[in-house]
Amino acid sequence: MTRPAPPKRVSELSKRANVIVAPGNSRSGIDLRWLLRRLGSENVTSLLVEGGGEVNASFLLQGLAHRVAFFYAPKILGGRNSIRAVAGEGIMRLDRAIRLTSVEYRRLGPDLLMIARVVGDSTTKA
Protein backbone atom coordinates (compact mmCIF):
# COMPACT_ATOMS: atom_id res chain seq x y z
CA MET A 1 0.00 0.00 0.00
CA THR A 2 1.23 3.48 -0.80
CA ARG A 3 1.63 6.18 1.86
CA PRO A 4 -0.25 9.46 1.47
CA ALA A 5 1.91 12.47 0.67
CA PRO A 6 2.36 14.94 3.52
CA PRO A 7 -0.48 17.52 3.42
CA LYS A 8 1.98 20.45 3.33
CA ARG A 9 3.70 19.00 0.26
CA VAL A 10 0.33 18.44 -1.49
CA SER A 11 -0.68 22.01 -0.67
CA GLU A 12 2.56 23.45 -2.08
CA LEU A 13 2.37 21.32 -5.23
CA SER A 14 -1.30 22.31 -5.71
CA LYS A 15 -0.16 25.89 -6.21
CA ARG A 16 1.76 24.86 -9.36
CA ALA A 17 -0.13 21.84 -10.69
CA ASN A 18 -3.50 20.10 -10.67
CA VAL A 19 -3.16 17.50 -7.89
CA ILE A 20 -5.47 14.48 -7.85
CA VAL A 21 -5.50 12.30 -4.73
CA ALA A 22 -6.57 8.81 -5.76
CA PRO A 23 -8.19 6.34 -3.37
CA GLY A 24 -6.19 3.33 -2.23
CA ASN A 25 -6.35 -0.16 -3.67
CA SER A 26 -4.92 -3.28 -2.01
CA ARG A 27 -3.69 -4.57 -5.38
CA SER A 28 -1.59 -1.68 -6.67
CA GLY A 29 -1.40 0.91 -3.90
CA ILE A 30 -3.76 3.31 -5.68
CA ASP A 31 -6.89 2.55 -7.62
CA LEU A 32 -5.55 2.91 -11.16
CA ARG A 33 -8.93 2.32 -12.82
CA TRP A 34 -10.43 5.15 -10.73
CA LEU A 35 -7.50 7.38 -11.67
CA LEU A 36 -7.86 6.65 -15.40
CA ARG A 37 -11.62 7.29 -15.28
CA ARG A 38 -10.97 10.58 -13.46
CA LEU A 39 -8.36 11.66 -16.01
CA GLY A 40 -10.77 10.71 -18.82
CA SER A 41 -13.45 12.90 -17.27
CA GLU A 42 -10.97 15.77 -17.59
CA ASN A 43 -10.46 14.97 -21.30
CA VAL A 44 -7.06 13.33 -20.81
CA THR A 45 -6.96 10.77 -23.62
CA SER A 46 -3.27 9.84 -23.53
CA LEU A 47 -1.02 9.19 -20.55
CA LEU A 48 2.72 8.54 -20.40
CA VAL A 49 3.55 6.37 -17.40
CA GLU A 50 7.21 6.62 -16.58
CA GLY A 51 7.29 4.70 -13.36
CA GLY A 52 9.43 2.25 -11.52
CA GLY A 53 9.05 -1.51 -11.67
CA GLU A 54 6.03 -1.65 -9.35
CA VAL A 55 4.11 1.07 -11.21
CA ASN A 56 4.94 -0.51 -14.57
CA ALA A 57 3.83 -3.93 -13.32
CA SER A 58 0.58 -2.50 -11.96
CA PHE A 59 -0.40 -1.04 -15.33
CA LEU A 60 0.70 -4.13 -17.29
CA LEU A 61 -0.76 -6.81 -15.00
CA GLN A 62 -4.11 -5.00 -14.74
CA GLY A 63 -4.35 -4.75 -18.52
CA LEU A 64 -4.21 -0.94 -18.46
CA ALA A 65 -1.21 -0.42 -20.76
CA HIS A 66 -1.77 -0.19 -24.50
CA ARG A 67 1.81 0.43 -25.60
CA VAL A 68 5.26 0.05 -24.09
CA ALA A 69 8.66 1.57 -24.82
CA PHE A 70 11.93 0.11 -23.57
CA PHE A 71 15.39 1.56 -23.99
CA TYR A 72 18.37 -0.76 -24.25
CA ALA A 73 21.89 0.58 -23.77
CA PRO A 74 25.20 -1.16 -24.42
CA LYS A 75 25.75 -1.55 -20.66
CA ILE A 76 25.08 -4.37 -18.24
CA LEU A 77 23.51 -3.73 -14.86
CA GLY A 78 22.08 -6.36 -12.60
CA GLY A 79 22.32 -8.38 -9.49
CA ARG A 80 19.96 -10.01 -7.07
CA ASN A 81 18.80 -6.67 -5.65
CA SER A 82 18.88 -4.63 -8.84
CA ILE A 83 16.07 -2.31 -9.91
CA ARG A 84 13.68 -3.98 -12.35
CA ALA A 85 11.81 -2.41 -15.23
CA VAL A 86 8.79 -4.58 -14.40
CA ALA A 87 8.40 -5.88 -10.84
CA GLY A 88 5.20 -6.77 -8.99
CA GLU A 89 3.89 -10.30 -8.64
CA GLY A 90 5.27 -11.20 -12.04
CA ILE A 91 4.24 -13.87 -14.49
CA MET A 92 5.98 -17.17 -14.02
CA ARG A 93 4.57 -19.16 -16.96
CA LEU A 94 5.42 -18.52 -20.59
CA ASP A 95 1.84 -19.25 -21.70
CA ARG A 96 0.62 -16.35 -19.51
CA ALA A 97 3.27 -13.86 -20.67
CA ILE A 98 2.14 -10.43 -21.79
CA ARG A 99 2.50 -10.49 -25.56
CA LEU A 100 3.59 -7.58 -27.70
CA THR A 101 2.78 -6.85 -31.33
CA SER A 102 3.66 -4.17 -33.90
CA VAL A 103 7.17 -4.14 -32.49
CA GLU A 104 9.46 -1.40 -33.82
CA TYR A 105 13.13 -0.85 -33.07
CA ARG A 106 14.92 2.47 -33.45
CA ARG A 107 18.60 3.17 -32.99
CA LEU A 108 19.27 6.30 -30.94
CA GLY A 109 23.01 6.80 -30.93
CA PRO A 110 24.47 3.70 -29.28
CA ASP A 111 21.09 2.85 -27.66
CA LEU A 112 18.13 0.92 -28.97
CA LEU A 113 14.48 1.88 -28.42
CA MET A 114 11.79 -0.79 -28.69
CA ILE A 115 8.18 0.36 -29.04
CA ALA A 116 5.31 -2.14 -29.15
CA ARG A 117 1.57 -2.55 -28.65
CA VAL A 118 0.37 -4.70 -25.74
CA VAL A 119 -1.84 -7.59 -26.88
CA GLY A 120 -4.99 -8.19 -24.80
CA ASP A 121 -3.94 -10.17 -21.74
CA SER A 122 -5.99 -13.15 -20.57
CA THR A 123 -4.19 -13.13 -17.20
CA THR A 124 -5.86 -9.88 -16.13
CA LYS A 125 -8.39 -10.48 -13.36
CA ALA A 126 -9.29 -6.88 -12.45
C-alpha atoms as a PDB file:
ATOM      1  CA  MET A   1       0.000   0.000   0.000  1.00  0.00           C
ATOM      2  CA  THR A   2       1.233   3.479  -0.797  1.00  0.00           C
ATOM      3  CA  ARG A   3       1.633   6.181   1.860  1.00  0.00           C
ATOM      4  CA  PRO A   4      -0.245   9.463   1.469  1.00  0.00           C
ATOM      5  CA  ALA A   5       1.913  12.474   0.669  1.00  0.00           C
ATOM      6  CA  PRO A   6       2.363  14.940   3.521  1.00  0.00           C
ATOM      7  CA  PRO A   7      -0.479  17.523   3.422  1.00  0.00           C
ATOM      8  CA  LYS A   8       1.977  20.450   3.327  1.00  0.00           C
ATOM      9  CA  ARG A   9       3.703  19.001   0.260  1.00  0.00           C
ATOM     10  CA  VAL A  10       0.332  18.437  -1.491  1.00  0.00           C
ATOM     11  CA  SER A  11      -0.678  22.013  -0.667  1.00  0.00           C
ATOM     12  CA  GLU A  12       2.561  23.451  -2.085  1.00  0.00           C
ATOM     13  CA  LEU A  13       2.370  21.325  -5.228  1.00  0.00           C
ATOM     14  CA  SER A  14      -1.295  22.307  -5.714  1.00  0.00           C
ATOM     15  CA  LYS A  15      -0.159  25.893  -6.207  1.00  0.00           C
ATOM     16  CA  ARG A  16       1.762  24.864  -9.356  1.00  0.00           C
ATOM     17  CA  ALA A  17      -0.126  21.836 -10.688  1.00  0.00           C
ATOM     18  CA  ASN A  18      -3.495  20.097 -10.670  1.00  0.00           C
ATOM     19  CA  VAL A  19      -3.165  17.502  -7.892  1.00  0.00           C
ATOM     20  CA  ILE A  20      -5.467  14.480  -7.849  1.00  0.00           C
ATOM     21  CA  VAL A  21      -5.504  12.302  -4.726  1.00  0.00           C
ATOM     22  CA  ALA A  22      -6.571   8.813  -5.763  1.00  0.00           C
ATOM     23  CA  PRO A  23      -8.189   6.340  -3.369  1.00  0.00           C
ATOM     24  CA  GLY A  24      -6.190   3.330  -2.225  1.00  0.00           C
ATOM     25  CA  ASN A  25      -6.354  -0.156  -3.673  1.00  0.00           C
ATOM     26  CA  SER A  26      -4.922  -3.281  -2.014  1.00  0.00           C
ATOM     27  CA  ARG A  27      -3.688  -4.573  -5.375  1.00  0.00           C
ATOM     28  CA  SER A  28      -1.590  -1.676  -6.671  1.00  0.00           C
ATOM     29  CA  GLY A  29      -1.404   0.915  -3.904  1.00  0.00           C
ATOM     30  CA  ILE A  30      -3.756   3.309  -5.676  1.00  0.00           C
ATOM     31  CA  ASP A  31      -6.893   2.552  -7.620  1.00  0.00           C
ATOM     32  CA  LEU A  32      -5.547   2.915 -11.163  1.00  0.00           C
ATOM     33  CA  ARG A  33      -8.928   2.325 -12.817  1.00  0.00           C
ATOM     34  CA  TRP A  34     -10.435   5.154 -10.731  1.00  0.00           C
ATOM     35  CA  LEU A  35      -7.500   7.384 -11.671  1.00  0.00           C
ATOM     36  CA  LEU A  36      -7.860   6.653 -15.395  1.00  0.00           C
ATOM     37  CA  ARG A  37     -11.617   7.293 -15.279  1.00  0.00           C
ATOM     38  CA  ARG A  38     -10.968  10.581 -13.459  1.00  0.00           C
ATOM     39  CA  LEU A  39      -8.360  11.659 -16.008  1.00  0.00           C
ATOM     40  CA  GLY A  40     -10.770  10.712 -18.818  1.00  0.00           C
ATOM     41  CA  SER A  41     -13.455  12.899 -17.266  1.00  0.00           C
ATOM     42  CA  GLU A  42     -10.975  15.775 -17.587  1.00  0.00           C
ATOM     43  CA  ASN A  43     -10.461  14.971 -21.305  1.00  0.00           C
ATOM     44  CA  VAL A  44      -7.065  13.335 -20.808  1.00  0.00           C
ATOM     45  CA  THR A  45      -6.956  10.771 -23.620  1.00  0.00           C
ATOM     46  CA  SER A  46      -3.274   9.838 -23.532  1.00  0.00           C
ATOM     47  CA  LEU A  47      -1.017   9.190 -20.554  1.00  0.00           C
ATOM     48  CA  LEU A  48       2.716   8.538 -20.396  1.00  0.00           C
ATOM     49  CA  VAL A  49       3.545   6.369 -17.396  1.00  0.00           C
ATOM     50  CA  GLU A  50       7.214   6.619 -16.581  1.00  0.00           C
ATOM     51  CA  GLY A  51       7.292   4.704 -13.357  1.00  0.00           C
ATOM     52  CA  GLY A  52       9.433   2.253 -11.520  1.00  0.00           C
ATOM     53  CA  GLY A  53       9.052  -1.508 -11.672  1.00  0.00           C
ATOM     54  CA  GLU A  54       6.031  -1.655  -9.352  1.00  0.00           C
ATOM     55  CA  VAL A  55       4.111   1.073 -11.208  1.00  0.00           C
ATOM     56  CA  ASN A  56       4.940  -0.507 -14.572  1.00  0.00           C
ATOM     57  CA  ALA A  57       3.831  -3.934 -13.321  1.00  0.00           C
ATOM     58  CA  SER A  58       0.575  -2.502 -11.956  1.00  0.00           C
ATOM     59  CA  PHE A  59      -0.400  -1.036 -15.329  1.00  0.00           C
ATOM     60  CA  LEU A  60       0.697  -4.131 -17.288  1.00  0.00           C
ATOM     61  CA  LEU A  61      -0.764  -6.813 -14.998  1.00  0.00           C
ATOM     62  CA  GLN A  62      -4.106  -4.999 -14.735  1.00  0.00           C
ATOM     63  CA  GLY A  63      -4.349  -4.755 -18.517  1.00  0.00           C
ATOM     64  CA  LEU A  64      -4.207  -0.944 -18.458  1.00  0.00           C
ATOM     65  CA  ALA A  65      -1.211  -0.422 -20.760  1.00  0.00           C
ATOM     66  CA  HIS A  66      -1.774  -0.191 -24.503  1.00  0.00           C
ATOM     67  CA  ARG A  67       1.806   0.432 -25.603  1.00  0.00           C
ATOM     68  CA  VAL A  68       5.261   0.052 -24.087  1.00  0.00           C
ATOM     69  CA  ALA A  69       8.660   1.565 -24.823  1.00  0.00           C
ATOM     70  CA  PHE A  70      11.929   0.113 -23.566  1.00  0.00           C
ATOM     71  CA  PHE A  71      15.392   1.562 -23.985  1.00  0.00           C
ATOM     72  CA  TYR A  72      18.368  -0.758 -24.247  1.00  0.00           C
ATOM     73  CA  ALA A  73      21.890   0.584 -23.770  1.00  0.00           C
ATOM     74  CA  PRO A  74      25.202  -1.163 -24.417  1.00  0.00           C
ATOM     75  CA  LYS A  75      25.752  -1.550 -20.659  1.00  0.00           C
ATOM     76  CA  ILE A  76      25.080  -4.372 -18.243  1.00  0.00           C
ATOM     77  CA  LEU A  77      23.506  -3.730 -14.861  1.00  0.00           C
ATOM     78  CA  GLY A  78      22.081  -6.355 -12.600  1.00  0.00           C
ATOM     79  CA  GLY A  79      22.324  -8.381  -9.494  1.00  0.00           C
ATOM     80  CA  ARG A  80      19.960 -10.008  -7.071  1.00  0.00           C
ATOM     81  CA  ASN A  81      18.796  -6.672  -5.646  1.00  0.00           C
ATOM     82  CA  SER A  82      18.877  -4.634  -8.838  1.00  0.00           C
ATOM     83  CA  ILE A  83      16.067  -2.313  -9.909  1.00  0.00           C
ATOM     84  CA  ARG A  84      13.681  -3.982 -12.346  1.00  0.00           C
ATOM     85  CA  ALA A  85      11.813  -2.405 -15.233  1.00  0.00           C
ATOM     86  CA  VAL A  86       8.786  -4.581 -14.395  1.00  0.00           C
ATOM     87  CA  ALA A  87       8.405  -5.882 -10.836  1.00  0.00           C
ATOM     88  CA  GLY A  88       5.199  -6.765  -8.992  1.00  0.00           C
ATOM     89  CA  GLU A  89       3.895 -10.298  -8.637  1.00  0.00           C
ATOM     90  CA  GLY A  90       5.266 -11.198 -12.038  1.00  0.00           C
ATOM     91  CA  ILE A  91       4.243 -13.865 -14.493  1.00  0.00           C
ATOM     92  CA  MET A  92       5.979 -17.170 -14.024  1.00  0.00           C
ATOM     93  CA  ARG A  93       4.572 -19.161 -16.959  1.00  0.00           C
ATOM     94  CA  LEU A  94       5.418 -18.524 -20.586  1.00  0.00           C
ATOM     95  CA  ASP A  95       1.844 -19.252 -21.703  1.00  0.00           C
ATOM     96  CA  ARG A  96       0.622 -16.349 -19.509  1.00  0.00           C
ATOM     97  CA  ALA A  97       3.269 -13.861 -20.671  1.00  0.00           C
ATOM     98  CA  ILE A  98       2.140 -10.431 -21.790  1.00  0.00           C
ATOM     99  CA  ARG A  99       2.501 -10.491 -25.558  1.00  0.00           C
ATOM    100  CA  LEU A 100       3.593  -7.583 -27.703  1.00  0.00           C
ATOM    101  CA  THR A 101       2.778  -6.851 -31.334  1.00  0.00           C
ATOM    102  CA  SER A 102       3.663  -4.165 -33.897  1.00  0.00           C
ATOM    103  CA  VAL A 103       7.174  -4.138 -32.486  1.00  0.00           C
ATOM    104  CA  GLU A 104       9.465  -1.399 -33.817  1.00  0.00           C
ATOM    105  CA  TYR A 105      13.127  -0.853 -33.069  1.00  0.00           C
ATOM    106  CA  ARG A 106      14.919   2.465 -33.449  1.00  0.00           C
ATOM    107  CA  ARG A 107      18.602   3.167 -32.992  1.00  0.00           C
ATOM    108  CA  LEU A 108      19.274   6.299 -30.940  1.00  0.00           C
ATOM    109  CA  GLY A 109      23.015   6.798 -30.932  1.00  0.00           C
ATOM    110  CA  PRO A 110      24.468   3.696 -29.283  1.00  0.00           C
ATOM    111  CA  ASP A 111      21.088   2.852 -27.657  1.00  0.00           C
ATOM    112  CA  LEU A 112      18.126   0.920 -28.973  1.00  0.00           C
ATOM    113  CA  LEU A 113      14.476   1.881 -28.418  1.00  0.00           C
ATOM    114  CA  MET A 114      11.793  -0.791 -28.689  1.00  0.00           C
ATOM    115  CA  ILE A 115       8.176   0.359 -29.041  1.00  0.00           C
ATOM    116  CA  ALA A 116       5.306  -2.143 -29.155  1.00  0.00           C
ATOM    117  CA  ARG A 117       1.569  -2.554 -28.645  1.00  0.00           C
ATOM    118  CA  VAL A 118       0.373  -4.699 -25.742  1.00  0.00           C
ATOM    119  CA  VAL A 119      -1.842  -7.591 -26.880  1.00  0.00           C
ATOM    120  CA  GLY A 120      -4.994  -8.193 -24.802  1.00  0.00           C
ATOM    121  CA  ASP A 121      -3.936 -10.173 -21.740  1.00  0.00           C
ATOM    122  CA  SER A 122      -5.994 -13.147 -20.574  1.00  0.00           C
ATOM    123  CA  THR A 123      -4.186 -13.127 -17.205  1.00  0.00           C
ATOM    124  CA  THR A 124      -5.855  -9.876 -16.135  1.00  0.00           C
ATOM    125  CA  LYS A 125      -8.391 -10.479 -13.364  1.00  0.00           C
ATOM    126  CA  ALA A 126      -9.287  -6.876 -12.446  1.00  0.00           C
END
